Amino acid sequence: MAKDAAAAASGIPQAILAVNFNGQVQLTWETVNGATGYLIYYSSTPGVTKATATALAAASSPYLHTGLTNNVTLYYAVAATNAGAESALSIEVSAMPTAARKIFISSTAYTGNMGGIAGANTNCQSLATAAGLPGKFRAYISTQVTDAACNILGLSGKKSANCGLPYAPTFDAATPVQNTQGQTIQTSLYNLLNGDGGAVNCGAGNAICTGVAYNETGITASTTARTITTTGGVFATDPPGNTGCQDLTLATNDGIGTLYGTSYDINNWWYSAGWSDNCASALRIYCLQQ
């Protein structure tokens, strides 16, 4: 999501982010100097062009696209306008509106070497696709470089640094998060990350309302998941000296280990129950719908 100097000079909107809600998609981008408006082009097929896509006029960022059909992926690109002129299109992004964001614990256990966070995401997507779950799935896991909260949005970097964006990203505060049995884990992604509203939504002392507890096919999986993540969806510095299995590339005993959660718990143990023995230990992971 780094800003491209040549593109910026030509007035093309940068740092495009699409966040899915129930029947809605919110588009956010970096403001273009001198722009008086924007045109959002969208299509139900990838490869958005001005000639083939539908255009929506937007005065500024963010823009909320409403009245959408859930479980249908839409593809977007944005152009800046000024005095009758229009820039070239931004990069293309996509989002799939959904009535409920799904989370599961993987049926497969992995050592600390998953080929980095990209490999962890691939593992989640492969399991979700094989189980017939729609949309994109990413690992709820952190590294020293990328926090889980950023990874879930399809971004890289630290949450404290806006996940690499020039503006603060939006974390859905409206769409419920459910396990693969349709049970509500939390009322929104925002509350899942922060544990906010636990006393109101899930009872005093609880971070979530029911356990993740099921794998991608809906089979009970009450076990541990490597998270390397603490409150807020950020990298867990405990245990001391932890490197996140060298950012998910180490499968040998480093004598330190990483943080894990227990899928049956509803307090903060769901993501922070204890430390794994070492990076050679095979643990499952949580996978969350983007």
C-alpha atoms as a PDB file:
ATOM      1  CA  MET A   1       0.000   0.000   0.000  1.00  0.00           C
ATOM      2  CA  ALA A   2       3.038   2.285  -0.256  1.00  0.00           C
ATOM      3  CA  LYS A   3       2.364   5.510  -2.116  1.00  0.00           C
ATOM      4  CA  ASP A   4       3.701   5.476  -5.679  1.00  0.00           C
ATOM      5  CA  ALA A   5       5.342   8.819  -6.567  1.00  0.00           C
ATOM      6  CA  ALA A   6       4.615   8.662 -10.304  1.00  0.00           C
ATOM      7  CA  ALA A   7       0.985   7.728  -9.748  1.00  0.00           C
ATOM      8  CA  ALA A   8       0.538  10.468  -7.167  1.00  0.00           C
ATOM      9  CA  ALA A   9       1.896  13.050  -9.585  1.00  0.00           C
ATOM     10  CA  SER A  10      -0.778  12.109 -12.117  1.00  0.00           C
ATOM     11  CA  GLY A  11      -3.574  12.413  -9.534  1.00  0.00           C
ATOM     12  CA  ILE A  12      -4.467   8.740  -9.289  1.00  0.00           C
ATOM     13  CA  PRO A  13      -6.029   7.873  -5.908  1.00  0.00           C
ATOM     14  CA  GLN A  14      -3.728   5.807  -3.711  1.00  0.00           C
ATOM     15  CA  ALA A  15      -4.008   3.464  -0.711  1.00  0.00           C
ATOM     16  CA  ILE A  16      -7.442   2.083  -1.637  1.00  0.00           C
ATOM     17  CA  LEU A  17      -9.131  -0.018   1.051  1.00  0.00           C
ATOM     18  CA  ALA A  18     -12.428  -1.900   0.683  1.00  0.00           C
ATOM     19  CA  VAL A  19     -14.088  -3.146   3.889  1.00  0.00           C
ATOM     20  CA  ASN A  20     -17.144  -5.388   3.694  1.00  0.00           C
ATOM     21  CA  PHE A  21     -20.245  -5.033   5.882  1.00  0.00           C
ATOM     22  CA  ASN A  22     -23.704  -6.582   5.814  1.00  0.00           C
ATOM     23  CA  GLY A  23     -25.051  -5.549   2.380  1.00  0.00           C
ATOM     24  CA  GLN A  24     -22.475  -2.758   2.147  1.00  0.00           C
ATOM     25  CA  VAL A  25     -18.876  -2.016   1.202  1.00  0.00           C
ATOM     26  CA  GLN A  26     -16.934   0.980   2.477  1.00  0.00           C
ATOM     27  CA  LEU A  27     -14.266   2.389   0.157  1.00  0.00           C
ATOM     28  CA  THR A  28     -11.498   4.569   1.580  1.00  0.00           C
ATOM     29  CA  TRP A  29      -8.564   6.206  -0.177  1.00  0.00           C
ATOM     30  CA  GLU A  30      -5.963   8.907   0.281  1.00  0.00           C
ATOM     31  CA  THR A  31      -7.218  12.362  -0.686  1.00  0.00           C
ATOM     32  CA  VAL A  32      -5.797  13.641  -3.992  1.00  0.00           C
ATOM     33  CA  ASN A  33      -4.609  17.244  -3.876  1.00  0.00           C
ATOM     34  CA  GLY A  34      -6.703  19.446  -6.169  1.00  0.00           C
ATOM     35  CA  ALA A  35      -9.436  16.871  -6.727  1.00  0.00           C
ATOM     36  CA  THR A  36     -13.003  18.194  -6.552  1.00  0.00           C
ATOM     37  CA  GLY A  37     -14.601  14.757  -6.575  1.00  0.00           C
ATOM     38  CA  TYR A  38     -14.120  11.094  -7.358  1.00  0.00           C
ATOM     39  CA  LEU A  39     -15.676   8.391  -9.508  1.00  0.00           C
ATOM     40  CA  ILE A  40     -15.846   4.864  -8.122  1.00  0.00           C
ATOM     41  CA  TYR A  41     -16.035   2.182 -10.801  1.00  0.00           C
ATOM     42  CA  TYR A  42     -17.289  -1.245  -9.771  1.00  0.00           C
ATOM     43  CA  SER A  43     -18.140  -4.583 -11.334  1.00  0.00           C
ATOM     44  CA  SER A  44     -18.991  -8.121 -10.310  1.00  0.00           C
ATOM     45  CA  THR A  45     -16.075  -9.363 -12.411  1.00  0.00           C
ATOM     46  CA  PRO A  46     -12.384  -8.564 -11.983  1.00  0.00           C
ATOM     47  CA  GLY A  47     -10.531  -6.338 -14.427  1.00  0.00           C
ATOM     48  CA  VAL A  48     -12.432  -3.105 -13.807  1.00  0.00           C
ATOM     49  CA  THR A  49     -12.281  -0.563 -16.652  1.00  0.00           C
ATOM     50  CA  LYS A  50     -14.109   2.708 -17.211  1.00  0.00           C
ATOM     51  CA  ALA A  51     -15.754   1.249 -20.308  1.00  0.00           C
ATOM     52  CA  THR A  52     -17.183  -1.874 -18.673  1.00  0.00           C
ATOM     53  CA  ALA A  53     -17.837  -0.934 -15.023  1.00  0.00           C
ATOM     54  CA  THR A  54     -20.622   1.035 -13.348  1.00  0.00           C
ATOM     55  CA  ALA A  55     -19.620   4.484 -12.068  1.00  0.00           C
ATOM     56  CA  LEU A  56     -20.621   6.070  -8.759  1.00  0.00           C
ATOM     57  CA  ALA A  57     -19.933   9.720  -7.934  1.00  0.00           C
ATOM     58  CA  ALA A  58     -18.332  10.433  -4.556  1.00  0.00           C
ATOM     59  CA  ALA A  59     -17.542  13.819  -3.064  1.00  0.00           C
ATOM     60  CA  SER A  60     -14.817  12.498  -0.786  1.00  0.00           C
ATOM     61  CA  SER A  61     -13.392   9.500   1.046  1.00  0.00           C
ATOM     62  CA  PRO A  62     -14.767   7.350   2.628  1.00  0.00           C
ATOM     63  CA  TYR A  63     -17.716   6.241   0.507  1.00  0.00           C
ATOM     64  CA  LEU A  64     -20.301   3.681   1.635  1.00  0.00           C
ATOM     65  CA  HIS A  65     -21.749   1.556  -1.174  1.00  0.00           C
ATOM     66  CA  THR A  66     -25.124   0.301   0.083  1.00  0.00           C
ATOM     67  CA  GLY A  67     -27.969  -1.965  -1.061  1.00  0.00           C
ATOM     68  CA  LEU A  68     -25.657  -4.802  -2.072  1.00  0.00           C
ATOM     69  CA  THR A  69     -26.280  -8.541  -2.268  1.00  0.00           C
ATOM     70  CA  ASN A  70     -24.391 -10.540   0.340  1.00  0.00           C
ATOM     71  CA  ASN A  71     -21.873 -13.210  -0.683  1.00  0.00           C
ATOM     72  CA  VAL A  72     -21.259 -11.599  -4.088  1.00  0.00           C
ATOM     73  CA  THR A  73     -17.738 -10.256  -4.583  1.00  0.00           C
ATOM     74  CA  LEU A  74     -17.452  -6.788  -6.113  1.00  0.00           C
ATOM     75  CA  TYR A  75     -14.363  -5.236  -7.672  1.00  0.00           C
ATOM     76  CA  TYR A  76     -13.573  -1.525  -7.382  1.00  0.00           C
ATOM     77  CA  ALA A  77     -11.228   1.128  -8.743  1.00  0.00           C
ATOM     78  CA  VAL A  78     -11.275   4.882  -8.075  1.00  0.00           C
ATOM     79  CA  ALA A  79     -10.525   7.921 -10.266  1.00  0.00           C
ATOM     80  CA  ALA A  80     -10.123  11.549  -9.167  1.00  0.00           C
ATOM     81  CA  THR A  81     -11.947  14.351 -11.005  1.00  0.00           C
ATOM     82  CA  ASN A  82     -11.373  18.087 -11.386  1.00  0.00           C
ATOM     83  CA  ALA A  83     -12.894  20.619 -13.780  1.00  0.00           C
ATOM     84  CA  GLY A  84     -14.173  17.993 -16.189  1.00  0.00           C
ATOM     85  CA  ALA A  85     -10.924  16.025 -16.182  1.00  0.00           C
ATOM     86  CA  GLU A  86     -10.555  12.533 -14.798  1.00  0.00           C
ATOM     87  CA  SER A  87      -7.479  10.620 -13.663  1.00  0.00           C
ATOM     88  CA  ALA A  88      -6.580   7.089 -14.597  1.00  0.00           C
ATOM     89  CA  LEU A  89      -7.965   4.364 -12.367  1.00  0.00           C
ATOM     90  CA  SER A  90      -6.409   3.325  -9.085  1.00  0.00           C
ATOM     91  CA  ILE A  91      -5.365  -0.212  -8.379  1.00  0.00           C
ATOM     92  CA  GLU A  92      -8.278  -2.639  -8.152  1.00  0.00           C
ATOM     93  CA  VAL A  93      -9.579  -3.893  -4.797  1.00  0.00           C
ATOM     94  CA  SER A  94     -12.390  -6.258  -3.954  1.00  0.00           C
ATOM     95  CA  ALA A  95     -14.812  -7.022  -1.125  1.00  0.00           C
ATOM     96  CA  MET A  96     -17.683  -9.417  -0.500  1.00  0.00           C
ATOM     97  CA  PRO A  97     -20.572  -8.134   1.643  1.00  0.00           C
ATOM     98  CA  THR A  98     -21.685 -10.674   4.212  1.00  0.00           C
ATOM     99  CA  ALA A  99     -24.400 -10.961   6.843  1.00  0.00           C
ATOM    100  CA  ALA A 100     -21.879 -12.491   9.262  1.00  0.00           C
ATOM    101  CA  ARG A 101     -18.089 -12.791   9.200  1.00  0.00           C
ATOM    102  CA  LYS A 102     -16.986 -16.393   9.790  1.00  0.00           C
ATOM    103  CA  ILE A 103     -14.130 -17.625  11.982  1.00  0.00           C
ATOM    104  CA  PHE A 104     -12.858 -21.187  12.439  1.00  0.00           C
ATOM    105  CA  ILE A 105      -9.975 -23.088  13.965  1.00  0.00           C
ATOM    106  CA  SER A 106      -8.041 -25.000  11.324  1.00  0.00           C
ATOM    107  CA  SER A 107      -8.444 -28.754  11.025  1.00  0.00           C
ATOM    108  CA  THR A 108      -4.713 -28.950  10.294  1.00  0.00           C
ATOM    109  CA  ALA A 109      -1.907 -28.252  12.778  1.00  0.00           C
ATOM    110  CA  TYR A 110       1.237 -26.411  11.654  1.00  0.00           C
ATOM    111  CA  THR A 111       4.723 -25.889  13.048  1.00  0.00           C
ATOM    112  CA  GLY A 112       6.066 -22.358  13.424  1.00  0.00           C
ATOM    113  CA  ASN A 113       7.256 -22.439   9.811  1.00  0.00           C
ATOM    114  CA  MET A 114       4.275 -21.615   7.634  1.00  0.00           C
ATOM    115  CA  GLY A 115       6.261 -19.701   5.053  1.00  0.00           C
ATOM    116  CA  GLY A 116       5.610 -16.399   6.803  1.00  0.00           C
ATOM    117  CA  ILE A 117       2.233 -14.789   7.341  1.00  0.00           C
ATOM    118  CA  ALA A 118       1.495 -15.148   3.623  1.00  0.00           C
ATOM    119  CA  GLY A 119       1.802 -18.908   4.019  1.00  0.00           C
ATOM    120  CA  ALA A 120      -0.530 -18.852   7.016  1.00  0.00           C
ATOM    121  CA  ASN A 121      -3.078 -16.959   4.908  1.00  0.00           C
ATOM    122  CA  THR A 122      -2.735 -19.513   2.128  1.00  0.00           C
ATOM    123  CA  ASN A 123      -3.378 -22.315   4.621  1.00  0.00           C
ATOM    124  CA  CYS A 124      -6.575 -20.613   5.782  1.00  0.00           C
ATOM    125  CA  GLN A 125      -7.827 -19.913   2.281  1.00  0.00           C
ATOM    126  CA  SER A 126      -7.148 -23.476   1.138  1.00  0.00           C
ATOM    127  CA  LEU A 127      -9.102 -24.922   4.058  1.00  0.00           C
ATOM    128  CA  ALA A 128     -11.997 -22.486   3.578  1.00  0.00           C
ATOM    129  CA  THR A 129     -12.202 -23.135  -0.166  1.00  0.00           C
ATOM    130  CA  ALA A 130     -12.151 -26.914   0.312  1.00  0.00           C
ATOM    131  CA  ALA A 131     -14.979 -26.574   2.845  1.00  0.00           C
ATOM    132  CA  GLY A 132     -17.066 -24.440   0.474  1.00  0.00           C
ATOM    133  CA  LEU A 133     -16.876 -21.265   2.575  1.00  0.00           C
ATOM    134  CA  PRO A 134     -17.255 -18.134   0.402  1.00  0.00           C
ATOM    135  CA  GLY A 135     -14.985 -15.101   0.431  1.00  0.00           C
ATOM    136  CA  LYS A 136     -11.405 -14.501   1.486  1.00  0.00           C
ATOM    137  CA  PHE A 137      -9.990 -15.997   4.674  1.00  0.00           C
ATOM    138  CA  ARG A 138      -6.832 -14.880   6.430  1.00  0.00           C
ATOM    139  CA  ALA A 139      -4.967 -16.087   9.500  1.00  0.00           C
ATOM    140  CA  TYR A 140      -5.665 -14.467  12.840  1.00  0.00           C
ATOM    141  CA  ILE A 141      -1.982 -14.462  13.745  1.00  0.00           C
ATOM    142  CA  SER A 142       0.715 -11.821  14.199  1.00  0.00           C
ATOM    143  CA  THR A 143       4.386 -11.457  13.362  1.00  0.00           C
ATOM    144  CA  GLN A 144       6.891  -8.846  14.452  1.00  0.00           C
ATOM    145  CA  VAL A 145       6.188  -7.037  11.179  1.00  0.00           C
ATOM    146  CA  THR A 146       2.422  -7.439  10.729  1.00  0.00           C
ATOM    147  CA  ASP A 147      -0.280  -7.423  13.403  1.00  0.00           C
ATOM    148  CA  ALA A 148      -3.232  -9.806  13.096  1.00  0.00           C
ATOM    149  CA  ALA A 149      -5.614  -6.821  12.949  1.00  0.00           C
ATOM    150  CA  CYS A 150      -3.844  -5.535   9.830  1.00  0.00           C
ATOM    151  CA  ASN A 151      -3.555  -8.952   8.241  1.00  0.00           C
ATOM    152  CA  ILE A 152      -7.308  -9.539   8.519  1.00  0.00           C
ATOM    153  CA  LEU A 153      -7.886  -6.408   6.408  1.00  0.00           C
ATOM    154  CA  GLY A 154      -5.452  -7.650   3.775  1.00  0.00           C
ATOM    155  CA  LEU A 155      -2.832  -5.124   4.879  1.00  0.00           C
ATOM    156  CA  SER A 156       0.707  -5.302   6.236  1.00  0.00           C
ATOM    157  CA  GLY A 157       2.378  -3.456   9.089  1.00  0.00           C
ATOM    158  CA  LYS A 158       1.558  -2.402  12.613  1.00  0.00           C
ATOM    159  CA  LYS A 159      -1.873  -1.361  13.808  1.00  0.00           C
ATOM    160  CA  SER A 160      -0.274   1.556  15.669  1.00  0.00           C
ATOM    161  CA  ALA A 161       1.054   2.796  12.305  1.00  0.00           C
ATOM    162  CA  ASN A 162      -2.328   2.466  10.527  1.00  0.00           C
ATOM    163  CA  CYS A 163      -1.320  -0.864   8.937  1.00  0.00           C
ATOM    164  CA  GLY A 164       0.881   1.030   6.470  1.00  0.00           C
ATOM    165  CA  LEU A 165      -1.910   3.339   5.264  1.00  0.00           C
ATOM    166  CA  PRO A 166      -1.787   7.172   5.324  1.00  0.00           C
ATOM    167  CA  TYR A 167      -5.064   7.130   7.267  1.00  0.00           C
ATOM    168  CA  ALA A 168      -6.583   5.005  10.053  1.00  0.00           C
ATOM    169  CA  PRO A 169      -8.248   1.895   8.578  1.00  0.00           C
ATOM    170  CA  THR A 170     -11.849   0.990   9.397  1.00  0.00           C
ATOM    171  CA  PHE A 171     -12.553  -2.082  11.509  1.00  0.00           C
ATOM    172  CA  ASP A 172     -16.139  -3.216  10.981  1.00  0.00           C
ATOM    173  CA  ALA A 173     -18.182  -2.365  14.074  1.00  0.00           C
ATOM    174  CA  ALA A 174     -21.548  -3.603  12.800  1.00  0.00           C
ATOM    175  CA  THR A 175     -21.364  -7.089  11.248  1.00  0.00           C
ATOM    176  CA  PRO A 176     -21.394 -10.057  13.676  1.00  0.00           C
ATOM    177  CA  VAL A 177     -18.610 -12.634  13.756  1.00  0.00           C
ATOM    178  CA  GLN A 178     -19.822 -16.249  13.875  1.00  0.00           C
ATOM    179  CA  ASN A 179     -18.242 -19.695  14.094  1.00  0.00           C
ATOM    180  CA  THR A 180     -19.014 -22.295  11.447  1.00  0.00           C
ATOM    181  CA  GLN A 181     -22.046 -23.489  13.422  1.00  0.00           C
ATOM    182  CA  GLY A 182     -23.607 -20.035  13.074  1.00  0.00           C
ATOM    183  CA  GLN A 183     -23.099 -19.120  16.734  1.00  0.00           C
ATOM    184  CA  THR A 184     -22.225 -15.461  17.354  1.00  0.00           C
ATOM    185  CA  ILE A 185     -18.674 -15.051  18.687  1.00  0.00           C
ATOM    186  CA  GLN A 186     -18.876 -11.263  18.935  1.00  0.00           C
ATOM    187  CA  THR A 187     -21.111  -8.510  17.632  1.00  0.00           C
ATOM    188  CA  SER A 188     -18.433  -7.147  15.275  1.00  0.00           C
ATOM    189  CA  LEU A 189     -14.830  -7.429  14.117  1.00  0.00           C
ATOM    190  CA  TYR A 190     -14.001  -4.318  16.150  1.00  0.00           C
ATOM    191  CA  ASN A 191     -15.294  -5.935  19.344  1.00  0.00           C
ATOM    192  CA  LEU A 192     -13.573  -9.223  18.522  1.00  0.00           C
ATOM    193  CA  LEU A 193     -10.218  -7.455  18.263  1.00  0.00           C
ATOM    194  CA  ASN A 194     -10.622  -5.354  21.363  1.00  0.00           C
ATOM    195  CA  GLY A 195     -12.870  -7.388  23.618  1.00  0.00           C
ATOM    196  CA  ASP A 196     -14.959  -4.223  23.883  1.00  0.00           C
ATOM    197  CA  GLY A 197     -18.554  -4.679  24.887  1.00  0.00           C
ATOM    198  CA  GLY A 198     -17.847  -8.063  26.443  1.00  0.00           C
ATOM    199  CA  ALA A 199     -19.693  -7.215  29.629  1.00  0.00           C
ATOM    200  CA  VAL A 200     -22.600  -5.863  27.588  1.00  0.00           C
ATOM    201  CA  ASN A 201     -22.712  -8.417  24.782  1.00  0.00           C
ATOM    202  CA  CYS A 202     -21.324 -11.568  26.326  1.00  0.00           C
ATOM    203  CA  GLY A 203     -21.413 -11.198  30.116  1.00  0.00           C
ATOM    204  CA  ALA A 204     -18.977  -9.777  32.623  1.00  0.00           C
ATOM    205  CA  GLY A 205     -15.422 -11.066  32.302  1.00  0.00           C
ATOM    206  CA  ASN A 206     -15.954 -12.490  28.821  1.00  0.00           C
ATOM    207  CA  ALA A 207     -14.150 -11.322  25.693  1.00  0.00           C
ATOM    208  CA  ILE A 208     -16.397 -13.290  23.331  1.00  0.00           C
ATOM    209  CA  CYS A 209     -19.876 -14.801  23.606  1.00  0.00           C
ATOM    210  CA  THR A 210     -19.109 -18.400  22.661  1.00  0.00           C
ATOM    211  CA  GLY A 211     -15.997 -20.322  21.667  1.00  0.00           C
ATOM    212  CA  VAL A 212     -14.597 -20.496  18.139  1.00  0.00           C
ATOM    213  CA  ALA A 213     -14.743 -24.223  18.850  1.00  0.00           C
ATOM    214  CA  TYR A 214     -15.351 -25.566  15.303  1.00  0.00           C
ATOM    215  CA  ASN A 215     -13.158 -26.159  12.278  1.00  0.00           C
ATOM    216  CA  GLU A 216     -13.876 -25.116   8.702  1.00  0.00           C
ATOM    217  CA  THR A 217     -16.307 -27.993   8.127  1.00  0.00           C
ATOM    218  CA  GLY A 218     -18.244 -27.346  11.338  1.00  0.00           C
ATOM    219  CA  ILE A 219     -16.726 -30.230  13.294  1.00  0.00           C
ATOM    220  CA  THR A 220     -15.971 -29.635  16.977  1.00  0.00           C
ATOM    221  CA  ALA A 221     -12.310 -28.727  17.526  1.00  0.00           C
ATOM    222  CA  SER A 222     -11.783 -27.796  21.184  1.00  0.00           C
ATOM    223  CA  THR A 223      -8.033 -27.368  21.150  1.00  0.00           C
ATOM    224  CA  THR A 224      -5.194 -24.837  20.998  1.00  0.00           C
ATOM    225  CA  ALA A 225      -4.344 -22.357  18.240  1.00  0.00           C
ATOM    226  CA  ARG A 226      -1.085 -20.460  17.729  1.00  0.00           C
ATOM    227  CA  THR A 227      -1.951 -16.743  17.756  1.00  0.00           C
ATOM    228  CA  ILE A 228       1.148 -14.707  18.741  1.00  0.00           C
ATOM    229  CA  THR A 229      -1.484 -12.035  19.335  1.00  0.00           C
ATOM    230  CA  THR A 230      -2.739 -10.060  22.307  1.00  0.00           C
ATOM    231  CA  THR A 231      -5.566  -7.582  23.011  1.00  0.00           C
ATOM    232  CA  GLY A 232      -6.281  -5.304  20.077  1.00  0.00           C
ATOM    233  CA  GLY A 233      -5.134  -7.862  17.535  1.00  0.00           C
ATOM    234  CA  VAL A 234      -1.456  -6.925  17.845  1.00  0.00           C
ATOM    235  CA  PHE A 235       1.817  -8.848  18.159  1.00  0.00           C
ATOM    236  CA  ALA A 236       2.310 -10.439  21.583  1.00  0.00           C
ATOM    237  CA  THR A 237       5.754  -9.701  22.986  1.00  0.00           C
ATOM    238  CA  ASP A 238       5.298 -12.500  25.553  1.00  0.00           C
ATOM    239  CA  PRO A 239       7.032 -14.811  26.132  1.00  0.00           C
ATOM    240  CA  PRO A 240      10.136 -12.598  26.503  1.00  0.00           C
ATOM    241  CA  GLY A 241      12.426 -12.906  23.505  1.00  0.00           C
ATOM    242  CA  ASN A 242       9.652 -14.282  21.330  1.00  0.00           C
ATOM    243  CA  THR A 243      10.177 -13.587  17.612  1.00  0.00           C
ATOM    244  CA  GLY A 244       6.957 -15.165  16.412  1.00  0.00           C
ATOM    245  CA  CYS A 245       8.941 -18.237  15.317  1.00  0.00           C
ATOM    246  CA  GLN A 246      11.116 -15.820  13.337  1.00  0.00           C
ATOM    247  CA  ASP A 247       7.996 -14.397  11.753  1.00  0.00           C
ATOM    248  CA  LEU A 248       6.525 -17.832  11.006  1.00  0.00           C
ATOM    249  CA  THR A 249       9.594 -19.244   9.270  1.00  0.00           C
ATOM    250  CA  LEU A 250      11.075 -21.373  12.085  1.00  0.00           C
ATOM    251  CA  ALA A 251      10.120 -25.012  12.727  1.00  0.00           C
ATOM    252  CA  THR A 252      12.795 -25.947  15.269  1.00  0.00           C
ATOM    253  CA  ASN A 253      12.986 -25.646  19.045  1.00  0.00           C
ATOM    254  CA  ASP A 254      13.988 -22.077  19.813  1.00  0.00           C
ATOM    255  CA  GLY A 255      13.559 -22.622  23.540  1.00  0.00           C
ATOM    256  CA  ILE A 256      11.019 -19.783  23.679  1.00  0.00           C
ATOM    257  CA  GLY A 257       7.785 -20.652  21.891  1.00  0.00           C
ATOM    258  CA  THR A 258       4.821 -18.385  21.142  1.00  0.00           C
ATOM    259  CA  LEU A 259       1.455 -17.401  22.540  1.00  0.00           C
ATOM    260  CA  TYR A 260      -1.502 -19.689  21.904  1.00  0.00           C
ATOM    261  CA  GLY A 261      -5.228 -19.552  22.569  1.00  0.00           C
ATOM    262  CA  THR A 262      -7.822 -22.188  23.421  1.00  0.00           C
ATOM    263  CA  SER A 263     -10.776 -22.427  21.070  1.00  0.00           C
ATOM    264  CA  TYR A 264     -13.296 -23.391  23.756  1.00  0.00           C
ATOM    265  CA  ASP A 265     -12.691 -20.390  26.037  1.00  0.00           C
ATOM    266  CA  ILE A 266     -14.748 -17.186  26.011  1.00  0.00           C
ATOM    267  CA  ASN A 267     -12.494 -14.991  28.145  1.00  0.00           C
ATOM    268  CA  ASN A 268      -9.222 -13.639  26.750  1.00  0.00           C
ATOM    269  CA  TRP A 269      -7.814 -17.164  26.864  1.00  0.00           C
ATOM    270  CA  TRP A 270      -9.376 -17.674  23.445  1.00  0.00           C
ATOM    271  CA  TYR A 271      -6.306 -15.898  22.050  1.00  0.00           C
ATOM    272  CA  SER A 272      -3.960 -15.760  25.087  1.00  0.00           C
ATOM    273  CA  ALA A 273      -4.073 -18.938  27.179  1.00  0.00           C
ATOM    274  CA  GLY A 274      -0.355 -19.702  27.462  1.00  0.00           C
ATOM    275  CA  TRP A 275       2.921 -20.296  25.648  1.00  0.00           C
ATOM    276  CA  SER A 276       3.616 -23.184  23.281  1.00  0.00           C
ATOM    277  CA  ASP A 277       6.620 -25.359  24.045  1.00  0.00           C
ATOM    278  CA  ASN A 278       8.584 -24.239  21.004  1.00  0.00           C
ATOM    279  CA  CYS A 279       8.300 -23.515  17.301  1.00  0.00           C
ATOM    280  CA  ALA A 280       8.618 -27.209  16.432  1.00  0.00           C
ATOM    281  CA  SER A 281       5.249 -27.816  18.106  1.00  0.00           C
ATOM    282  CA  ALA A 282       2.417 -28.272  15.616  1.00  0.00           C
ATOM    283  CA  LEU A 283      -0.576 -26.137  16.565  1.00  0.00           C
ATOM    284  CA  ARG A 284      -3.722 -25.141  14.750  1.00  0.00           C
ATOM    285  CA  ILE A 285      -4.493 -21.563  13.738  1.00  0.00           C
ATOM    286  CA  TYR A 286      -7.581 -19.352  13.652  1.00  0.00           C
ATOM    287  CA  CYS A 287      -8.872 -18.307  10.243  1.00  0.00           C
ATOM    288  CA  LEU A 288     -11.131 -15.271   9.872  1.00  0.00           C
ATOM    289  CA  GLN A 289     -13.148 -14.083   6.903  1.00  0.00           C
ATOM    290  CA  GLN A 290     -11.791 -10.826   5.528  1.00  0.00           C
END
